Amino acid sequence: MDDHNIIHRHINWHATGNGEYPYQVHIDGSNYVIRVNDLPEEASYTMH
């Protein structure tokens, strides 16, 4: 799947129980995680 198309889909994130990577989702064979970054040096969140 083209990463651009993910923006237009409804996805269900799942809690990981990990404070640094609190949410993850598996879409079409790829895993995505949300990372909580170090403020104020970095942006609040990053998606990997």
N, C-alpha and C. Protein backbone atom coordinates (compact mmCIF):
# COMPACT_ATOMS: atom_id res chain seq x y z
N MET A 1 0.84 -1.19 0.00
CA MET A 1 0.00 0.00 0.00
C MET A 1 0.87 1.24 0.00
N ASP A 2 0.49 2.21 -0.73
CA ASP A 2 1.15 3.50 -0.78
C ASP A 2 0.93 4.20 0.56
N ASP A 3 2.02 4.67 1.21
CA ASP A 3 1.90 5.32 2.52
C ASP A 3 0.95 6.50 2.50
N HIS A 4 0.85 7.21 1.38
CA HIS A 4 -0.05 8.36 1.28
C HIS A 4 -1.51 7.93 1.49
N ASN A 5 -1.88 6.77 1.03
CA ASN A 5 -3.26 6.30 1.15
C ASN A 5 -3.65 5.96 2.59
N ILE A 6 -2.69 5.70 3.45
CA ILE A 6 -2.99 5.39 4.85
C ILE A 6 -3.69 6.58 5.51
N ILE A 7 -3.35 7.78 5.11
CA ILE A 7 -3.94 8.99 5.68
C ILE A 7 -5.45 9.00 5.48
N HIS A 8 -5.93 8.40 4.43
CA HIS A 8 -7.34 8.43 4.08
C HIS A 8 -8.12 7.22 4.57
N ARG A 9 -7.50 6.37 5.37
CA ARG A 9 -8.18 5.17 5.88
C ARG A 9 -8.50 5.30 7.35
N HIS A 10 -9.58 4.66 7.76
CA HIS A 10 -9.90 4.55 9.18
C HIS A 10 -9.09 3.38 9.72
N ILE A 11 -8.25 3.64 10.71
CA ILE A 11 -7.44 2.57 11.30
C ILE A 11 -7.68 2.54 12.81
N ASN A 12 -7.53 1.39 13.38
CA ASN A 12 -7.72 1.20 14.82
C ASN A 12 -6.38 0.96 15.48
N TRP A 13 -5.89 1.98 16.19
CA TRP A 13 -4.64 1.85 16.92
C TRP A 13 -4.87 1.00 18.16
N HIS A 14 -3.84 0.27 18.58
CA HIS A 14 -3.92 -0.58 19.77
C HIS A 14 -2.88 -0.13 20.78
N ALA A 15 -3.29 -0.05 22.04
CA ALA A 15 -2.37 0.33 23.12
C ALA A 15 -1.34 -0.77 23.32
N THR A 16 -0.08 -0.36 23.52
CA THR A 16 1.01 -1.33 23.70
C THR A 16 1.35 -1.56 25.17
N GLY A 17 1.00 -0.60 26.03
CA GLY A 17 1.42 -0.68 27.43
C GLY A 17 2.84 -0.15 27.64
N ASN A 18 3.47 0.34 26.57
CA ASN A 18 4.82 0.88 26.63
C ASN A 18 4.73 2.41 26.60
N GLY A 19 5.30 3.08 27.59
CA GLY A 19 5.20 4.53 27.69
C GLY A 19 5.88 5.28 26.57
N GLU A 20 6.96 4.73 26.02
CA GLU A 20 7.67 5.41 24.94
C GLU A 20 7.02 5.16 23.58
N TYR A 21 6.43 3.98 23.39
CA TYR A 21 5.74 3.61 22.15
C TYR A 21 4.32 3.16 22.51
N PRO A 22 3.43 4.11 22.81
CA PRO A 22 2.14 3.75 23.40
C PRO A 22 1.11 3.12 22.45
N TYR A 23 1.25 3.32 21.13
CA TYR A 23 0.24 2.80 20.20
C TYR A 23 0.91 2.15 18.99
N GLN A 24 0.25 1.11 18.48
CA GLN A 24 0.74 0.44 17.28
C GLN A 24 -0.43 -0.01 16.43
N VAL A 25 -0.15 -0.21 15.15
CA VAL A 25 -1.16 -0.72 14.23
C VAL A 25 -0.43 -1.54 13.16
N HIS A 26 -1.07 -2.57 12.67
CA HIS A 26 -0.54 -3.40 11.59
C HIS A 26 -1.45 -3.20 10.38
N ILE A 27 -0.89 -2.68 9.29
CA ILE A 27 -1.67 -2.39 8.08
C ILE A 27 -0.99 -3.02 6.88
N ASP A 28 -1.70 -3.89 6.20
CA ASP A 28 -1.21 -4.46 4.94
C ASP A 28 0.22 -4.95 5.01
N GLY A 29 0.56 -5.68 6.07
CA GLY A 29 1.89 -6.26 6.20
C GLY A 29 2.94 -5.35 6.80
N SER A 30 2.58 -4.12 7.17
CA SER A 30 3.53 -3.19 7.77
C SER A 30 3.07 -2.81 9.17
N ASN A 31 4.04 -2.67 10.08
CA ASN A 31 3.75 -2.22 11.44
C ASN A 31 4.09 -0.75 11.57
N TYR A 32 3.23 -0.02 12.26
CA TYR A 32 3.45 1.39 12.54
C TYR A 32 3.30 1.60 14.04
N VAL A 33 4.17 2.42 14.62
CA VAL A 33 4.10 2.73 16.04
C VAL A 33 4.18 4.24 16.23
N ILE A 34 3.55 4.72 17.29
CA ILE A 34 3.66 6.11 17.69
C ILE A 34 4.67 6.18 18.83
N ARG A 35 5.66 7.06 18.67
CA ARG A 35 6.68 7.23 19.71
C ARG A 35 6.48 8.58 20.37
N VAL A 36 6.54 8.61 21.71
CA VAL A 36 6.51 9.85 22.48
C VAL A 36 7.96 10.32 22.59
N ASN A 37 8.23 11.51 22.08
CA ASN A 37 9.60 12.04 22.06
C ASN A 37 9.93 12.85 23.30
N ASP A 38 11.19 13.27 23.38
CA ASP A 38 11.67 14.08 24.49
C ASP A 38 11.39 15.56 24.21
N LEU A 39 10.54 16.16 25.04
CA LEU A 39 10.23 17.58 24.90
C LEU A 39 11.20 18.40 25.73
N PRO A 40 11.56 19.58 25.41
CA PRO A 40 11.16 20.35 24.24
C PRO A 40 12.11 20.18 23.07
N GLU A 41 13.11 19.32 23.19
CA GLU A 41 14.12 19.17 22.15
C GLU A 41 13.56 18.58 20.85
N GLU A 42 12.50 17.79 20.94
CA GLU A 42 11.94 17.10 19.78
C GLU A 42 10.45 17.37 19.68
N ALA A 43 9.89 17.04 18.54
CA ALA A 43 8.42 17.12 18.37
C ALA A 43 7.77 16.16 19.37
N SER A 44 6.51 16.41 19.70
CA SER A 44 5.82 15.59 20.71
C SER A 44 5.75 14.12 20.35
N TYR A 45 5.38 13.82 19.10
CA TYR A 45 5.18 12.44 18.68
C TYR A 45 5.83 12.20 17.33
N THR A 46 6.20 10.94 17.08
CA THR A 46 6.71 10.51 15.79
C THR A 46 6.04 9.20 15.42
N MET A 47 5.70 9.02 14.16
CA MET A 47 5.16 7.75 13.69
C MET A 47 6.27 7.03 12.94
N HIS A 48 6.53 5.79 13.34
CA HIS A 48 7.54 4.95 12.68
C HIS A 48 6.85 3.80 11.98
